[in-house]
Amino acid sequence: MSDKQIRLSGITKRYRKGAQVIEIFRDLDFAVAQGDFLAIMGPSGSGKTTLLNLLGGIDRPSAGEIHFRDTRIDTLSEGRLARWRAANVGFIFQFYNLMPVLSAAENAELPLLLTHLSRKERAKRVMAALQLVGIADRAGHYPDELSGGQQQRVAIARAIIADPALLLADEPTGDLDRATAQEILEILQMLNRDFGKTIVMVTHDPAAARYADHVLHLDKGEFVDAPQEEVEA
């Protein structure tokens, strides 16, 4: 049995912008192994975020197949795809995407509202997730009462609350200072190392990429060798 958790085969992705057709990928093959921590680097417009969206079932390819374990996700109905995402994928964004009118605990709890768990069980899971990322003492605080690093910890708690196998992180340290970014990256490392989470992280920052097990470089929709300046560094 393959150890590849998610596989993209022959992926082509095009967008239409007015009369113009923009091709992001053409016949791209890509796979992520179970339990890997992968960083993807590349210039703006190279297709990094589009790739994350395809991996997470947010977007569908124009052609090709996407398999998560034994499930082909690109052909699922919208309802089944939403249920698949809720059960298998956690998303972490650069700007946290927290609801300003909800507390840290309420923000972390949001994915569980789609489940049949009792309120008591949801509360138990929320506190466990907040404790895991070191923000339990701020459970009752609102986003505008939290620092950027604290907000990102809440966002990570929300991403892991349903115990997904796959975490997709889009520039998770892009809005943070260096010391806070290091703390967030160490949390991601811990989730990968101690809990077996597969992580695919998009980043512009070579220092952040060093926390991953592997680094791939994407440029104009293709994987390429590392730029010379990064090789020399």
C-alpha atoms as a PDB file:
ATOM      1  CA  MET A   1       0.000   0.000   0.000  1.00  0.00           C
ATOM      2  CA  SER A   2       1.326   3.466  -0.902  1.00  0.00           C
ATOM      3  CA  ASP A   3       2.464   5.774   1.914  1.00  0.00           C
ATOM      4  CA  LYS A   4       1.259   8.747  -0.107  1.00  0.00           C
ATOM      5  CA  GLN A   5      -1.558  10.418   1.764  1.00  0.00           C
ATOM      6  CA  ILE A   6      -2.617  12.713  -1.053  1.00  0.00           C
ATOM      7  CA  ARG A   7      -1.814  12.482  -4.769  1.00  0.00           C
ATOM      8  CA  LEU A   8      -2.372  14.874  -7.650  1.00  0.00           C
ATOM      9  CA  SER A   9      -2.144  13.265 -11.088  1.00  0.00           C
ATOM     10  CA  GLY A  10      -2.074  15.106 -14.410  1.00  0.00           C
ATOM     11  CA  ILE A  11      -3.432  18.290 -12.849  1.00  0.00           C
ATOM     12  CA  THR A  12      -4.284  21.195 -15.126  1.00  0.00           C
ATOM     13  CA  LYS A  13      -5.826  24.319 -13.627  1.00  0.00           C
ATOM     14  CA  ARG A  14      -7.120  27.259 -15.648  1.00  0.00           C
ATOM     15  CA  TYR A  15      -8.976  30.397 -14.641  1.00  0.00           C
ATOM     16  CA  ARG A  16     -10.997  32.625 -16.924  1.00  0.00           C
ATOM     17  CA  LYS A  17     -10.531  36.371 -16.451  1.00  0.00           C
ATOM     18  CA  GLY A  18     -12.844  38.105 -18.880  1.00  0.00           C
ATOM     19  CA  ALA A  19     -11.871  36.905 -22.335  1.00  0.00           C
ATOM     20  CA  GLN A  20      -8.466  35.742 -21.076  1.00  0.00           C
ATOM     21  CA  VAL A  21      -7.707  32.191 -19.942  1.00  0.00           C
ATOM     22  CA  ILE A  22      -4.934  31.962 -17.344  1.00  0.00           C
ATOM     23  CA  GLU A  23      -3.276  28.566 -16.914  1.00  0.00           C
ATOM     24  CA  ILE A  24      -1.728  27.959 -13.483  1.00  0.00           C
ATOM     25  CA  PHE A  25      -0.800  24.271 -13.844  1.00  0.00           C
ATOM     26  CA  ARG A  26      -0.479  21.957 -16.823  1.00  0.00           C
ATOM     27  CA  ASP A  27      -0.245  18.180 -16.321  1.00  0.00           C
ATOM     28  CA  LEU A  28       1.228  18.508 -12.815  1.00  0.00           C
ATOM     29  CA  ASP A  29       1.981  15.394 -10.748  1.00  0.00           C
ATOM     30  CA  PHE A  30       2.477  15.835  -7.016  1.00  0.00           C
ATOM     31  CA  ALA A  31       2.230  13.675  -3.892  1.00  0.00           C
ATOM     32  CA  VAL A  32       2.588  14.151  -0.150  1.00  0.00           C
ATOM     33  CA  ALA A  33       3.628  11.272   2.100  1.00  0.00           C
ATOM     34  CA  GLN A  34       1.794  10.394   5.283  1.00  0.00           C
ATOM     35  CA  GLY A  35       3.319  12.315   8.203  1.00  0.00           C
ATOM     36  CA  ASP A  36       5.482  14.622   6.084  1.00  0.00           C
ATOM     37  CA  PHE A  37       6.151  18.278   6.909  1.00  0.00           C
ATOM     38  CA  LEU A  38       6.586  19.920   3.523  1.00  0.00           C
ATOM     39  CA  ALA A  39       7.364  23.562   2.773  1.00  0.00           C
ATOM     40  CA  ILE A  40       6.580  25.020  -0.641  1.00  0.00           C
ATOM     41  CA  MET A  41       8.397  28.170  -1.704  1.00  0.00           C
ATOM     42  CA  GLY A  42       8.211  30.301  -4.822  1.00  0.00           C
ATOM     43  CA  PRO A  43       7.553  33.818  -6.097  1.00  0.00           C
ATOM     44  CA  SER A  44       4.125  35.444  -6.056  1.00  0.00           C
ATOM     45  CA  GLY A  45       1.957  34.080  -8.829  1.00  0.00           C
ATOM     46  CA  SER A  46       3.776  30.739  -8.987  1.00  0.00           C
ATOM     47  CA  GLY A  47       0.686  28.751  -7.979  1.00  0.00           C
ATOM     48  CA  LYS A  48       1.441  28.042  -4.315  1.00  0.00           C
ATOM     49  CA  THR A  49      -1.926  29.037  -2.881  1.00  0.00           C
ATOM     50  CA  THR A  50      -3.774  27.431  -5.793  1.00  0.00           C
ATOM     51  CA  LEU A  51      -1.958  24.185  -4.977  1.00  0.00           C
ATOM     52  CA  LEU A  52      -3.035  24.401  -1.327  1.00  0.00           C
ATOM     53  CA  ASN A  53      -6.616  25.038  -2.406  1.00  0.00           C
ATOM     54  CA  LEU A  54      -6.545  21.954  -4.622  1.00  0.00           C
ATOM     55  CA  LEU A  55      -5.057  19.826  -1.831  1.00  0.00           C
ATOM     56  CA  GLY A  56      -7.742  21.011   0.564  1.00  0.00           C
ATOM     57  CA  GLY A  57     -10.680  20.559  -1.769  1.00  0.00           C
ATOM     58  CA  ILE A  58     -11.422  24.296  -1.834  1.00  0.00           C
ATOM     59  CA  ASP A  59     -10.809  24.374  -5.576  1.00  0.00           C
ATOM     60  CA  ARG A  60     -11.199  21.749  -8.300  1.00  0.00           C
ATOM     61  CA  PRO A  61      -8.810  21.052 -11.185  1.00  0.00           C
ATOM     62  CA  SER A  62      -9.719  21.764 -14.806  1.00  0.00           C
ATOM     63  CA  ALA A  63      -8.324  18.307 -15.610  1.00  0.00           C
ATOM     64  CA  GLY A  64      -6.623  15.503 -13.698  1.00  0.00           C
ATOM     65  CA  GLU A  65      -7.329  13.595 -10.484  1.00  0.00           C
ATOM     66  CA  ILE A  66      -6.849  14.261  -6.766  1.00  0.00           C
ATOM     67  CA  HIS A  67      -6.810  11.269  -4.408  1.00  0.00           C
ATOM     68  CA  PHE A  68      -6.751  11.390  -0.612  1.00  0.00           C
ATOM     69  CA  ARG A  69      -5.857   7.876   0.476  1.00  0.00           C
ATOM     70  CA  ASP A  70      -8.484   5.786  -1.309  1.00  0.00           C
ATOM     71  CA  THR A  71     -10.923   8.622  -2.021  1.00  0.00           C
ATOM     72  CA  ARG A  72     -10.941  10.622  -5.228  1.00  0.00           C
ATOM     73  CA  ILE A  73     -11.975  14.048  -3.937  1.00  0.00           C
ATOM     74  CA  ASP A  74     -12.162  16.096  -7.152  1.00  0.00           C
ATOM     75  CA  THR A  75     -15.315  14.260  -8.237  1.00  0.00           C
ATOM     76  CA  LEU A  76     -17.194  14.495  -4.922  1.00  0.00           C
ATOM     77  CA  SER A  77     -20.409  16.494  -4.746  1.00  0.00           C
ATOM     78  CA  GLU A  78     -20.196  19.825  -2.910  1.00  0.00           C
ATOM     79  CA  GLY A  79     -21.910  18.354   0.134  1.00  0.00           C
ATOM     80  CA  ARG A  80     -19.654  15.292   0.335  1.00  0.00           C
ATOM     81  CA  LEU A  81     -16.593  17.451  -0.315  1.00  0.00           C
ATOM     82  CA  ALA A  82     -17.522  19.781   2.550  1.00  0.00           C
ATOM     83  CA  ARG A  83     -17.889  16.792   4.880  1.00  0.00           C
ATOM     84  CA  TRP A  84     -14.562  15.399   3.679  1.00  0.00           C
ATOM     85  CA  ARG A  85     -12.824  18.729   4.377  1.00  0.00           C
ATOM     86  CA  ALA A  86     -14.354  18.993   7.835  1.00  0.00           C
ATOM     87  CA  ALA A  87     -13.127  15.504   8.755  1.00  0.00           C
ATOM     88  CA  ASN A  88      -9.677  15.521   7.155  1.00  0.00           C
ATOM     89  CA  VAL A  89      -8.243  19.016   6.656  1.00  0.00           C
ATOM     90  CA  GLY A  90      -7.296  21.923   8.923  1.00  0.00           C
ATOM     91  CA  PHE A  91      -6.487  25.321   7.415  1.00  0.00           C
ATOM     92  CA  ILE A  92      -4.100  27.927   8.869  1.00  0.00           C
ATOM     93  CA  PHE A  93      -3.959  31.379   7.250  1.00  0.00           C
ATOM     94  CA  GLN A  94      -1.556  34.325   7.357  1.00  0.00           C
ATOM     95  CA  PHE A  95      -4.140  36.726   8.803  1.00  0.00           C
ATOM     96  CA  TYR A  96      -5.759  34.223  11.202  1.00  0.00           C
ATOM     97  CA  ASN A  97      -9.353  34.632   9.891  1.00  0.00           C
ATOM     98  CA  LEU A  98     -10.823  34.749  13.383  1.00  0.00           C
ATOM     99  CA  MET A  99     -14.363  35.985  14.024  1.00  0.00           C
ATOM    100  CA  PRO A 100     -13.982  39.273  15.933  1.00  0.00           C
ATOM    101  CA  VAL A 101     -17.259  38.850  17.880  1.00  0.00           C
ATOM    102  CA  LEU A 102     -16.269  35.411  19.206  1.00  0.00           C
ATOM    103  CA  SER A 103     -13.875  34.587  22.035  1.00  0.00           C
ATOM    104  CA  ALA A 104     -10.758  32.479  21.504  1.00  0.00           C
ATOM    105  CA  ALA A 105     -12.626  29.405  22.744  1.00  0.00           C
ATOM    106  CA  GLU A 106     -15.634  30.111  20.516  1.00  0.00           C
ATOM    107  CA  ASN A 107     -13.410  30.615  17.479  1.00  0.00           C
ATOM    108  CA  ALA A 108     -11.621  27.323  18.131  1.00  0.00           C
ATOM    109  CA  GLU A 109     -14.961  25.570  18.571  1.00  0.00           C
ATOM    110  CA  LEU A 110     -16.412  26.615  15.191  1.00  0.00           C
ATOM    111  CA  PRO A 111     -15.554  23.423  13.230  1.00  0.00           C
ATOM    112  CA  LEU A 112     -17.167  21.292  15.947  1.00  0.00           C
ATOM    113  CA  LEU A 113     -20.531  22.996  15.464  1.00  0.00           C
ATOM    114  CA  LEU A 114     -20.879  20.880  12.313  1.00  0.00           C
ATOM    115  CA  THR A 115     -20.588  17.658  14.337  1.00  0.00           C
ATOM    116  CA  HIS A 116     -22.987  15.786  16.614  1.00  0.00           C
ATOM    117  CA  LEU A 117     -20.817  16.272  19.698  1.00  0.00           C
ATOM    118  CA  SER A 118     -22.486  17.469  22.879  1.00  0.00           C
ATOM    119  CA  ARG A 119     -21.729  20.916  24.262  1.00  0.00           C
ATOM    120  CA  LYS A 120     -19.753  19.301  27.105  1.00  0.00           C
ATOM    121  CA  GLU A 121     -17.639  17.250  24.702  1.00  0.00           C
ATOM    122  CA  ARG A 122     -17.038  20.303  22.478  1.00  0.00           C
ATOM    123  CA  ALA A 123     -15.896  22.340  25.484  1.00  0.00           C
ATOM    124  CA  LYS A 124     -13.523  19.535  26.523  1.00  0.00           C
ATOM    125  CA  ARG A 125     -11.963  19.394  23.054  1.00  0.00           C
ATOM    126  CA  VAL A 126     -11.660  23.175  22.851  1.00  0.00           C
ATOM    127  CA  MET A 127      -9.721  23.395  26.114  1.00  0.00           C
ATOM    128  CA  ALA A 128      -7.467  20.502  25.083  1.00  0.00           C
ATOM    129  CA  ALA A 129      -6.661  22.201  21.771  1.00  0.00           C
ATOM    130  CA  LEU A 130      -6.053  25.595  23.399  1.00  0.00           C
ATOM    131  CA  GLN A 131      -3.794  23.991  26.003  1.00  0.00           C
ATOM    132  CA  LEU A 132      -1.868  22.158  23.292  1.00  0.00           C
ATOM    133  CA  VAL A 133      -0.981  25.435  21.564  1.00  0.00           C
ATOM    134  CA  GLY A 134      -0.360  27.325  24.813  1.00  0.00           C
ATOM    135  CA  ILE A 135      -3.296  29.736  24.756  1.00  0.00           C
ATOM    136  CA  ALA A 136      -5.762  28.204  27.263  1.00  0.00           C
ATOM    137  CA  ASP A 137      -5.304  31.140  29.643  1.00  0.00           C
ATOM    138  CA  ARG A 138      -6.787  33.431  26.969  1.00  0.00           C
ATOM    139  CA  ALA A 139      -9.826  31.283  26.209  1.00  0.00           C
ATOM    140  CA  GLY A 140     -12.287  34.050  27.097  1.00  0.00           C
ATOM    141  CA  HIS A 141     -10.452  36.846  25.270  1.00  0.00           C
ATOM    142  CA  TYR A 142     -11.567  38.285  21.940  1.00  0.00           C
ATOM    143  CA  PRO A 143      -9.243  38.635  18.935  1.00  0.00           C
ATOM    144  CA  ASP A 144      -8.687  42.381  19.438  1.00  0.00           C
ATOM    145  CA  GLU A 145      -7.464  41.565  22.950  1.00  0.00           C
ATOM    146  CA  LEU A 146      -4.830  39.147  21.638  1.00  0.00           C
ATOM    147  CA  SER A 147      -1.443  39.674  20.007  1.00  0.00           C
ATOM    148  CA  GLY A 148      -0.783  38.406  16.483  1.00  0.00           C
ATOM    149  CA  GLY A 149       1.010  35.363  17.832  1.00  0.00           C
ATOM    150  CA  GLN A 150      -1.823  34.593  20.233  1.00  0.00           C
ATOM    151  CA  GLN A 151      -4.371  34.924  17.434  1.00  0.00           C
ATOM    152  CA  GLN A 152      -2.375  32.494  15.303  1.00  0.00           C
ATOM    153  CA  ARG A 153      -2.309  30.025  18.209  1.00  0.00           C
ATOM    154  CA  VAL A 154      -6.104  30.240  18.357  1.00  0.00           C
ATOM    155  CA  ALA A 155      -6.228  29.707  14.590  1.00  0.00           C
ATOM    156  CA  ILE A 156      -4.063  26.600  14.924  1.00  0.00           C
ATOM    157  CA  ALA A 157      -6.311  25.309  17.718  1.00  0.00           C
ATOM    158  CA  ARG A 158      -9.283  25.793  15.393  1.00  0.00           C
ATOM    159  CA  ALA A 159      -7.428  23.930  12.626  1.00  0.00           C
ATOM    160  CA  ILE A 160      -6.690  20.891  14.805  1.00  0.00           C
ATOM    161  CA  ILE A 161      -9.925  20.809  16.848  1.00  0.00           C
ATOM    162  CA  ALA A 162     -11.518  18.063  14.728  1.00  0.00           C
ATOM    163  CA  ASP A 163      -8.273  16.043  14.683  1.00  0.00           C
ATOM    164  CA  PRO A 164      -7.669  16.258  10.904  1.00  0.00           C
ATOM    165  CA  ALA A 165      -4.902  14.229   9.289  1.00  0.00           C
ATOM    166  CA  LEU A 166      -3.770  17.071   7.009  1.00  0.00           C
ATOM    167  CA  LEU A 167      -2.867  20.663   7.939  1.00  0.00           C
ATOM    168  CA  LEU A 168      -2.512  23.260   5.173  1.00  0.00           C
ATOM    169  CA  ALA A 169      -0.733  26.457   6.210  1.00  0.00           C
ATOM    170  CA  ASP A 170      -0.631  29.487   3.897  1.00  0.00           C
ATOM    171  CA  GLU A 171       2.127  31.876   5.057  1.00  0.00           C
ATOM    172  CA  PRO A 172       1.358  31.107   8.746  1.00  0.00           C
ATOM    173  CA  THR A 173       4.168  33.377  10.001  1.00  0.00           C
ATOM    174  CA  GLY A 174       3.925  36.093   7.341  1.00  0.00           C
ATOM    175  CA  ASP A 175       2.382  38.661   9.707  1.00  0.00           C
ATOM    176  CA  LEU A 176       4.540  37.866  12.741  1.00  0.00           C
ATOM    177  CA  ASP A 177       7.867  39.069  14.118  1.00  0.00           C
ATOM    178  CA  ARG A 178      10.782  36.642  14.061  1.00  0.00           C
ATOM    179  CA  ALA A 179      10.542  35.467  17.684  1.00  0.00           C
ATOM    180  CA  THR A 180       6.790  34.895  17.511  1.00  0.00           C
ATOM    181  CA  ALA A 181       7.141  33.197  14.133  1.00  0.00           C
ATOM    182  CA  GLN A 182       9.633  30.770  15.672  1.00  0.00           C
ATOM    183  CA  GLU A 183       7.128  29.883  18.406  1.00  0.00           C
ATOM    184  CA  ILE A 184       4.414  29.175  15.820  1.00  0.00           C
ATOM    185  CA  LEU A 185       6.777  27.055  13.708  1.00  0.00           C
ATOM    186  CA  GLU A 186       7.765  25.054  16.781  1.00  0.00           C
ATOM    187  CA  ILE A 187       4.077  24.333  17.406  1.00  0.00           C
ATOM    188  CA  LEU A 188       3.729  23.072  13.836  1.00  0.00           C
ATOM    189  CA  GLN A 189       6.825  20.908  14.294  1.00  0.00           C
ATOM    190  CA  MET A 190       5.337  19.481  17.490  1.00  0.00           C
ATOM    191  CA  LEU A 191       2.036  18.672  15.763  1.00  0.00           C
ATOM    192  CA  ASN A 192       3.947  16.890  13.016  1.00  0.00           C
ATOM    193  CA  ARG A 193       6.432  15.071  15.250  1.00  0.00           C
ATOM    194  CA  ASP A 194       4.264  14.140  18.241  1.00  0.00           C
ATOM    195  CA  PHE A 195       0.818  13.814  16.659  1.00  0.00           C
ATOM    196  CA  GLY A 196       1.686  12.620  13.156  1.00  0.00           C
ATOM    197  CA  LYS A 197      -0.032  15.495  11.357  1.00  0.00           C
ATOM    198  CA  THR A 198       0.864  15.837   7.698  1.00  0.00           C
ATOM    199  CA  ILE A 199       1.660  19.510   7.071  1.00  0.00           C
ATOM    200  CA  VAL A 200       1.986  21.386   3.795  1.00  0.00           C
ATOM    201  CA  MET A 201       3.155  24.950   4.386  1.00  0.00           C
ATOM    202  CA  VAL A 202       3.489  27.733   1.829  1.00  0.00           C
ATOM    203  CA  THR A 203       6.070  30.335   2.790  1.00  0.00           C
ATOM    204  CA  HIS A 204       8.265  33.060   1.311  1.00  0.00           C
ATOM    205  CA  ASP A 205      10.652  32.821   4.272  1.00  0.00           C
ATOM    206  CA  PRO A 206      13.686  30.486   3.996  1.00  0.00           C
ATOM    207  CA  ALA A 207      14.037  30.574   7.801  1.00  0.00           C
ATOM    208  CA  ALA A 208      10.491  29.235   8.161  1.00  0.00           C
ATOM    209  CA  ALA A 209      11.058  26.604   5.487  1.00  0.00           C
ATOM    210  CA  ARG A 210      13.953  25.156   7.502  1.00  0.00           C
ATOM    211  CA  TYR A 211      11.475  23.849  10.069  1.00  0.00           C
ATOM    212  CA  ALA A 212      10.022  21.495   7.451  1.00  0.00           C
ATOM    213  CA  ASP A 213      11.342  18.038   6.594  1.00  0.00           C
ATOM    214  CA  HIS A 214      11.423  18.853   2.880  1.00  0.00           C
ATOM    215  CA  VAL A 215      11.327  22.022   0.775  1.00  0.00           C
ATOM    216  CA  LEU A 216      10.006  22.240  -2.783  1.00  0.00           C
ATOM    217  CA  HIS A 217      10.216  25.266  -5.058  1.00  0.00           C
ATOM    218  CA  LEU A 218       7.360  26.202  -7.349  1.00  0.00           C
ATOM    219  CA  ASP A 219       7.739  28.627 -10.240  1.00  0.00           C
ATOM    220  CA  LYS A 220       5.234  29.301 -13.025  1.00  0.00           C
ATOM    221  CA  GLY A 221       3.265  26.197 -12.121  1.00  0.00           C
ATOM    222  CA  GLU A 222       6.239  23.809 -12.129  1.00  0.00           C
ATOM    223  CA  PHE A 223       8.535  22.421  -9.455  1.00  0.00           C
ATOM    224  CA  VAL A 224      12.091  23.626  -9.998  1.00  0.00           C
ATOM    225  CA  ASP A 225      15.501  23.429  -8.332  1.00  0.00           C
ATOM    226  CA  ALA A 226      16.199  25.779  -5.434  1.00  0.00           C
ATOM    227  CA  PRO A 227      17.388  29.285  -6.399  1.00  0.00           C
ATOM    228  CA  GLN A 228      21.169  29.636  -6.226  1.00  0.00           C
ATOM    229  CA  GLU A 229      21.101  32.145  -3.367  1.00  0.00           C
ATOM    230  CA  GLU A 230      19.246  29.630  -1.171  1.00  0.00           C
ATOM    231  CA  VAL A 231      21.682  26.847  -2.092  1.00  0.00           C
ATOM    232  CA  GLU A 232      24.596  29.074  -1.084  1.00  0.00           C
ATOM    233  CA  ALA A 233      22.893  30.093   2.173  1.00  0.00           C
END
